C-alpha cells in the first residue's frame, strides 16, 4: 500500500522523457495487465492482445518527449489502446474477406518462441544484422537515437526533417527489426529489444 502511495506518475513520465528505461519498465508494469485485459475483452484473442500491447508501448517510447505535456496519461494510453485494437479488428475483417475470396487455403505458420537459453550475443548479432538492413536514412536516424541518445525532436532539427518523419522512421525501424527476428524464429518482448538497443540511454 505504501509502495503504491509513493508512485509519482508525473515524475515517472518526466524520467521516461529523459530516456530512463527503469521508469519505462515501471510504467509498463503498472499498466500492462489493465491494457491487455481490456484488449483481450474486445478481441477475444490472447496472442493479438499481446501484440497490440507491444505496439502501444512502442508508441509510448517513441513519443516519450511528449509525455510531460499530458494531463491524463491513463486516458491517453487507453485511447491509443482503443485505436490500435480497432485497427487490428479492421485488418482482421479484411483478412477474412480475402480468405473467403481465395480458392486455396494457405496454412498459417506458428510463431516460434525463443529458447530461454538462447545466447544473448547471438541475439545482439541478429539485431545488428537487422539494423544493417535498414535504409540509409532510417539507419542514420536509428543510430542517432540509439548511440547518441537523441530525442526525435533533436534528430529532426539536426537532419532538417519533421518530428513525425523521425518518429515514423524509428517506429518502422523497430518493426523491421522485430520482423527480422520473427523470420529467424525469435519472438521477444519489445522491452527486451529496447533494453538491448538502448542500454546506454
C-alpha atoms as a PDB file:
ATOM      1  CA  UNK A   1       0.000   0.000   0.000  1.00  0.00           C
ATOM      2  CA  UNK A   2       2.803   2.344   0.951  1.00  0.00           C
ATOM      3  CA  UNK A   3       4.660   1.495  -2.269  1.00  0.00           C
ATOM      4  CA  UNK A   4       1.576   2.399  -4.348  1.00  0.00           C
ATOM      5  CA  UNK A   5       1.255   5.693  -2.450  1.00  0.00           C
ATOM      6  CA  UNK A   6       4.855   6.548  -3.257  1.00  0.00           C
ATOM      7  CA  UNK A   7       4.283   6.153  -7.006  1.00  0.00           C
ATOM      8  CA  UNK A   8       4.541   9.548  -8.702  1.00  0.00           C
ATOM      9  CA  UNK A   9       3.298   9.282 -12.280  1.00  0.00           C
ATOM     10  CA  UNK A  10       4.335  12.811 -13.247  1.00  0.00           C
ATOM     11  CA  UNK A  11       7.881  12.077 -12.097  1.00  0.00           C
ATOM     12  CA  UNK A  12       7.850   8.705 -13.857  1.00  0.00           C
ATOM     13  CA  UNK A  13       6.745  10.320 -17.133  1.00  0.00           C
ATOM     14  CA  UNK A  14       9.394  13.025 -16.744  1.00  0.00           C
ATOM     15  CA  UNK A  15      12.081  10.371 -16.242  1.00  0.00           C
ATOM     16  CA  UNK A  16      10.877   8.411 -19.277  1.00  0.00           C
ATOM     17  CA  UNK A  17      11.003  11.604 -21.343  1.00  0.00           C
ATOM     18  CA  UNK A  18      14.672  11.817 -20.339  1.00  0.00           C
ATOM     19  CA  UNK A  19      15.251   8.251 -21.578  1.00  0.00           C
ATOM     20  CA  UNK A  20      15.088   6.413 -18.225  1.00  0.00           C
ATOM     21  CA  UNK A  21      14.378   2.751 -19.025  1.00  0.00           C
ATOM     22  CA  UNK A  22      13.775   1.797 -15.394  1.00  0.00           C
ATOM     23  CA  UNK A  23      10.944   4.334 -15.280  1.00  0.00           C
ATOM     24  CA  UNK A  24       9.618   2.984 -18.586  1.00  0.00           C
ATOM     25  CA  UNK A  25       9.580  -0.542 -17.165  1.00  0.00           C
ATOM     26  CA  UNK A  26       7.816   0.722 -14.024  1.00  0.00           C
ATOM     27  CA  UNK A  27       5.124   2.307 -16.194  1.00  0.00           C
ATOM     28  CA  UNK A  28       4.839  -0.909 -18.223  1.00  0.00           C
ATOM     29  CA  UNK A  29       4.297  -2.989 -15.073  1.00  0.00           C
ATOM     30  CA  UNK A  30       1.675  -0.526 -13.821  1.00  0.00           C
ATOM     31  CA  UNK A  31      -0.470  -0.557 -16.972  1.00  0.00           C
ATOM     32  CA  UNK A  32       0.320  -3.737 -18.919  1.00  0.00           C
ATOM     33  CA  UNK A  33      -2.208  -6.044 -17.220  1.00  0.00           C
ATOM     34  CA  UNK A  34      -5.021  -3.467 -17.345  1.00  0.00           C
ATOM     35  CA  UNK A  35      -4.412  -2.789 -21.023  1.00  0.00           C
ATOM     36  CA  UNK A  36      -4.027  -6.426 -22.017  1.00  0.00           C
ATOM     37  CA  UNK A  37      -7.245  -7.400 -20.220  1.00  0.00           C
ATOM     38  CA  UNK A  38      -9.053  -4.519 -21.930  1.00  0.00           C
ATOM     39  CA  UNK A  39      -7.751  -5.518 -25.380  1.00  0.00           C
ATOM     40  CA  UNK A  40      -8.470  -9.205 -24.760  1.00  0.00           C
ATOM     41  CA  UNK A  41     -12.093  -8.462 -23.869  1.00  0.00           C
ATOM     42  CA  UNK A  42     -12.556  -6.710 -27.216  1.00  0.00           C
ATOM     43  CA  UNK A  43     -10.601  -9.076 -29.464  1.00  0.00           C
ATOM     44  CA  UNK A  44     -11.128 -12.394 -27.626  1.00  0.00           C
ATOM     45  CA  UNK A  45      -7.609 -13.172 -28.853  1.00  0.00           C
ATOM     46  CA  UNK A  46      -4.760 -13.656 -26.357  1.00  0.00           C
ATOM     47  CA  UNK A  47      -1.987 -13.567 -28.966  1.00  0.00           C
ATOM     48  CA  UNK A  48      -3.411 -10.455 -30.616  1.00  0.00           C
ATOM     49  CA  UNK A  49      -3.734  -8.736 -27.233  1.00  0.00           C
ATOM     50  CA  UNK A  50      -0.046  -9.310 -26.534  1.00  0.00           C
ATOM     51  CA  UNK A  51       0.951  -7.971 -29.953  1.00  0.00           C
ATOM     52  CA  UNK A  52      -1.235  -4.877 -29.611  1.00  0.00           C
ATOM     53  CA  UNK A  53       0.201  -4.254 -26.136  1.00  0.00           C
ATOM     54  CA  UNK A  54       3.701  -4.205 -27.608  1.00  0.00           C
ATOM     55  CA  UNK A  55       2.600  -1.691 -30.263  1.00  0.00           C
ATOM     56  CA  UNK A  56       1.129   0.554 -27.566  1.00  0.00           C
ATOM     57  CA  UNK A  57       4.302   0.689 -25.505  1.00  0.00           C
ATOM     58  CA  UNK A  58       6.383   1.153 -28.631  1.00  0.00           C
ATOM     59  CA  UNK A  59       4.256   4.262 -29.254  1.00  0.00           C
ATOM     60  CA  UNK A  60       4.843   5.412 -25.671  1.00  0.00           C
ATOM     61  CA  UNK A  61       8.614   5.049 -26.027  1.00  0.00           C
ATOM     62  CA  UNK A  62       8.787   6.797 -29.387  1.00  0.00           C
ATOM     63  CA  UNK A  63       6.625   9.672 -28.119  1.00  0.00           C
ATOM     64  CA  UNK A  64       8.365   9.902 -24.753  1.00  0.00           C
ATOM     65  CA  UNK A  65       9.418  13.523 -25.291  1.00  0.00           C
ATOM     66  CA  UNK A  66       5.715  14.500 -25.241  1.00  0.00           C
ATOM     67  CA  UNK A  67       4.769  12.616 -22.068  1.00  0.00           C
ATOM     68  CA  UNK A  68       5.336  15.543 -19.722  1.00  0.00           C
ATOM     69  CA  UNK A  69       2.691  17.557 -21.601  1.00  0.00           C
ATOM     70  CA  UNK A  70      -0.087  15.043 -20.847  1.00  0.00           C
ATOM     71  CA  UNK A  71      -2.680  15.917 -18.240  1.00  0.00           C
ATOM     72  CA  UNK A  72      -4.184  12.428 -18.056  1.00  0.00           C
ATOM     73  CA  UNK A  73      -1.771   9.693 -19.097  1.00  0.00           C
ATOM     74  CA  UNK A  74      -4.227   6.854 -18.377  1.00  0.00           C
ATOM     75  CA  UNK A  75      -6.870   8.340 -20.681  1.00  0.00           C
ATOM     76  CA  UNK A  76      -4.193   8.917 -23.339  1.00  0.00           C
ATOM     77  CA  UNK A  77      -2.810   5.378 -23.292  1.00  0.00           C
ATOM     78  CA  UNK A  78      -6.281   3.798 -23.272  1.00  0.00           C
ATOM     79  CA  UNK A  79      -7.204   5.929 -26.280  1.00  0.00           C
ATOM     80  CA  UNK A  80      -4.136   4.517 -28.059  1.00  0.00           C
ATOM     81  CA  UNK A  81      -5.194   1.016 -26.960  1.00  0.00           C
ATOM     82  CA  UNK A  82      -8.679   1.538 -28.394  1.00  0.00           C
ATOM     83  CA  UNK A  83      -7.323   2.868 -31.699  1.00  0.00           C
ATOM     84  CA  UNK A  84      -4.783   0.044 -32.067  1.00  0.00           C
ATOM     85  CA  UNK A  85      -7.436  -2.558 -31.212  1.00  0.00           C
ATOM     86  CA  UNK A  86      -9.928  -1.149 -33.712  1.00  0.00           C
ATOM     87  CA  UNK A  87      -7.218  -1.100 -36.368  1.00  0.00           C
ATOM     88  CA  UNK A  88      -6.449  -4.763 -35.630  1.00  0.00           C
ATOM     89  CA  UNK A  89     -10.137  -5.681 -35.916  1.00  0.00           C
ATOM     90  CA  UNK A  90     -10.484  -3.830 -39.232  1.00  0.00           C
ATOM     91  CA  UNK A  91      -7.456  -5.679 -40.603  1.00  0.00           C
ATOM     92  CA  UNK A  92      -8.858  -8.971 -39.315  1.00  0.00           C
ATOM     93  CA  UNK A  93     -12.167  -8.394 -41.099  1.00  0.00           C
ATOM     94  CA  UNK A  94     -10.327  -7.519 -44.331  1.00  0.00           C
ATOM     95  CA  UNK A  95      -8.157 -10.641 -43.981  1.00  0.00           C
ATOM     96  CA  UNK A  96     -11.227 -12.857 -43.535  1.00  0.00           C
ATOM     97  CA  UNK A  97     -12.857 -11.338 -46.595  1.00  0.00           C
ATOM     98  CA  UNK A  98      -9.736 -12.073 -48.629  1.00  0.00           C
ATOM     99  CA  UNK A  99      -9.698 -15.667 -47.381  1.00  0.00           C
ATOM    100  CA  UNK A 100     -13.311 -16.126 -48.402  1.00  0.00           C
ATOM    101  CA  UNK A 101     -12.493 -14.939 -51.918  1.00  0.00           C
ATOM    102  CA  UNK A 102      -9.458 -17.180 -52.156  1.00  0.00           C
ATOM    103  CA  UNK A 103      -9.851 -20.605 -53.751  1.00  0.00           C
ATOM    104  CA  UNK A 104      -6.953 -22.112 -51.823  1.00  0.00           C
ATOM    105  CA  UNK A 105      -6.157 -22.160 -48.125  1.00  0.00           C
ATOM    106  CA  UNK A 106      -2.614 -21.352 -47.061  1.00  0.00           C
ATOM    107  CA  UNK A 107      -1.569 -22.969 -43.762  1.00  0.00           C
ATOM    108  CA  UNK A 108      -0.715 -20.454 -41.055  1.00  0.00           C
ATOM    109  CA  UNK A 109       2.827 -20.709 -39.733  1.00  0.00           C
ATOM    110  CA  UNK A 110       3.022 -20.819 -35.948  1.00  0.00           C
ATOM    111  CA  UNK A 111       5.162 -18.302 -34.070  1.00  0.00           C
ATOM    112  CA  UNK A 112       8.289 -19.798 -32.556  1.00  0.00           C
ATOM    113  CA  UNK A 113       9.192 -18.758 -29.035  1.00  0.00           C
ATOM    114  CA  UNK A 114      12.951 -18.332 -28.414  1.00  0.00           C
ATOM    115  CA  UNK A 115      14.589 -20.847 -26.114  1.00  0.00           C
ATOM    116  CA  UNK A 116      15.306 -19.402 -22.698  1.00  0.00           C
ATOM    117  CA  UNK A 117      18.944 -20.467 -23.088  1.00  0.00           C
ATOM    118  CA  UNK A 118      19.361 -18.515 -26.327  1.00  0.00           C
ATOM    119  CA  UNK A 119      22.758 -16.834 -26.336  1.00  0.00           C
ATOM    120  CA  UNK A 120      22.453 -13.075 -25.781  1.00  0.00           C
ATOM    121  CA  UNK A 121      25.451 -12.398 -28.003  1.00  0.00           C
ATOM    122  CA  UNK A 122      23.777 -14.224 -30.882  1.00  0.00           C
ATOM    123  CA  UNK A 123      20.628 -12.205 -30.282  1.00  0.00           C
ATOM    124  CA  UNK A 124      22.635  -8.964 -30.406  1.00  0.00           C
ATOM    125  CA  UNK A 125      24.292 -10.172 -33.621  1.00  0.00           C
ATOM    126  CA  UNK A 126      20.912 -10.820 -35.256  1.00  0.00           C
ATOM    127  CA  UNK A 127      19.605  -7.432 -34.146  1.00  0.00           C
ATOM    128  CA  UNK A 128      22.681  -5.754 -35.638  1.00  0.00           C
ATOM    129  CA  UNK A 129      22.121  -7.623 -38.906  1.00  0.00           C
ATOM    130  CA  UNK A 130      18.552  -6.324 -38.898  1.00  0.00           C
ATOM    131  CA  UNK A 131      19.799  -2.770 -38.271  1.00  0.00           C
ATOM    132  CA  UNK A 132      22.303  -3.095 -41.130  1.00  0.00           C
ATOM    133  CA  UNK A 133      19.420  -3.926 -43.485  1.00  0.00           C
ATOM    134  CA  UNK A 134      17.619  -0.638 -42.804  1.00  0.00           C
ATOM    135  CA  UNK A 135      17.571   2.059 -45.476  1.00  0.00           C
ATOM    136  CA  UNK A 136      20.434   4.617 -45.141  1.00  0.00           C
ATOM    137  CA  UNK A 137      18.257   7.432 -43.744  1.00  0.00           C
ATOM    138  CA  UNK A 138      16.380   5.133 -41.386  1.00  0.00           C
ATOM    139  CA  UNK A 139      19.669   3.634 -40.201  1.00  0.00           C
ATOM    140  CA  UNK A 140      21.121   7.105 -39.583  1.00  0.00           C
ATOM    141  CA  UNK A 141      18.064   8.220 -37.582  1.00  0.00           C
ATOM    142  CA  UNK A 142      18.100   4.982 -35.637  1.00  0.00           C
ATOM    143  CA  UNK A 143      21.818   5.353 -34.915  1.00  0.00           C
ATOM    144  CA  UNK A 144      21.371   8.905 -33.634  1.00  0.00           C
ATOM    145  CA  UNK A 145      18.624   7.716 -31.313  1.00  0.00           C
ATOM    146  CA  UNK A 146      20.415   4.574 -30.174  1.00  0.00           C
ATOM    147  CA  UNK A 147      24.066   5.607 -29.914  1.00  0.00           C
ATOM    148  CA  UNK A 148      23.773   9.303 -29.123  1.00  0.00           C
ATOM    149  CA  UNK A 149      20.597   9.116 -27.072  1.00  0.00           C
ATOM    150  CA  UNK A 150      18.994  11.916 -29.094  1.00  0.00           C
ATOM    151  CA  UNK A 151      15.252  12.567 -28.824  1.00  0.00           C
ATOM    152  CA  UNK A 152      13.142  12.683 -32.013  1.00  0.00           C
ATOM    153  CA  UNK A 153      12.884  16.490 -31.785  1.00  0.00           C
ATOM    154  CA  UNK A 154      16.689  16.804 -31.639  1.00  0.00           C
ATOM    155  CA  UNK A 155      17.175  14.415 -34.563  1.00  0.00           C
ATOM    156  CA  UNK A 156      14.577  16.299 -36.600  1.00  0.00           C
ATOM    157  CA  UNK A 157      16.376  19.603 -36.019  1.00  0.00           C
ATOM    158  CA  UNK A 158      19.774  18.083 -36.842  1.00  0.00           C
ATOM    159  CA  UNK A 159      18.621  16.483 -40.109  1.00  0.00           C
ATOM    160  CA  UNK A 160      16.105  19.180 -41.082  1.00  0.00           C
ATOM    161  CA  UNK A 161      13.208  16.712 -41.003  1.00  0.00           C
ATOM    162  CA  UNK A 162       9.780  16.855 -39.405  1.00  0.00           C
ATOM    163  CA  UNK A 163       9.413  15.241 -35.991  1.00  0.00           C
ATOM    164  CA  UNK A 164       6.698  12.948 -37.388  1.00  0.00           C
ATOM    165  CA  UNK A 165       9.117  11.731 -40.083  1.00  0.00           C
ATOM    166  CA  UNK A 166      11.709  10.883 -37.433  1.00  0.00           C
ATOM    167  CA  UNK A 167       9.165   9.085 -35.228  1.00  0.00           C
ATOM    168  CA  UNK A 168       7.792   7.141 -38.192  1.00  0.00           C
ATOM    169  CA  UNK A 169      11.328   6.129 -39.163  1.00  0.00           C
ATOM    170  CA  UNK A 170      12.110   4.916 -35.634  1.00  0.00           C
ATOM    171  CA  UNK A 171       8.808   3.041 -35.394  1.00  0.00           C
ATOM    172  CA  UNK A 172       9.320   1.391 -38.786  1.00  0.00           C
ATOM    173  CA  UNK A 173      12.913   0.517 -37.902  1.00  0.00           C
ATOM    174  CA  UNK A 174      11.870  -1.258 -34.701  1.00  0.00           C
ATOM    175  CA  UNK A 175       9.094  -3.086 -36.533  1.00  0.00           C
ATOM    176  CA  UNK A 176      11.551  -4.215 -39.227  1.00  0.00           C
ATOM    177  CA  UNK A 177      13.936  -5.455 -36.527  1.00  0.00           C
ATOM    178  CA  UNK A 178      11.134  -7.406 -34.830  1.00  0.00           C
ATOM    179  CA  UNK A 179      10.062  -8.801 -38.191  1.00  0.00           C
ATOM    180  CA  UNK A 180      13.643  -9.874 -38.991  1.00  0.00           C
ATOM    181  CA  UNK A 181      13.907 -11.644 -35.627  1.00  0.00           C
ATOM    182  CA  UNK A 182      10.495 -13.261 -36.131  1.00  0.00           C
ATOM    183  CA  UNK A 183      11.636 -14.611 -39.501  1.00  0.00           C
ATOM    184  CA  UNK A 184      14.666 -16.056 -37.692  1.00  0.00           C
ATOM    185  CA  UNK A 185      12.294 -17.862 -35.315  1.00  0.00           C
ATOM    186  CA  UNK A 186      12.654 -15.426 -32.406  1.00  0.00           C
ATOM    187  CA  UNK A 187       9.647 -13.664 -30.882  1.00  0.00           C
ATOM    188  CA  UNK A 188      10.606 -11.432 -27.957  1.00  0.00           C
ATOM    189  CA  UNK A 189       9.047  -8.620 -25.956  1.00  0.00           C
ATOM    190  CA  UNK A 190       9.631  -5.070 -27.189  1.00  0.00           C
ATOM    191  CA  UNK A 191      11.085  -4.228 -23.763  1.00  0.00           C
ATOM    192  CA  UNK A 192      13.843  -6.779 -24.330  1.00  0.00           C
ATOM    193  CA  UNK A 193      14.694  -5.265 -27.719  1.00  0.00           C
ATOM    194  CA  UNK A 194      14.713  -1.742 -26.299  1.00  0.00           C
ATOM    195  CA  UNK A 195      16.899  -2.858 -23.409  1.00  0.00           C
ATOM    196  CA  UNK A 196      19.461  -4.358 -25.794  1.00  0.00           C
ATOM    197  CA  UNK A 197      19.383  -1.499 -28.286  1.00  0.00           C
ATOM    198  CA  UNK A 198      19.184   1.485 -25.948  1.00  0.00           C
ATOM    199  CA  UNK A 199      21.066   0.201 -22.926  1.00  0.00           C
ATOM    200  CA  UNK A 200      23.301   3.297 -22.962  1.00  0.00           C
ATOM    201  CA  UNK A 201      20.335   5.646 -22.537  1.00  0.00           C
END
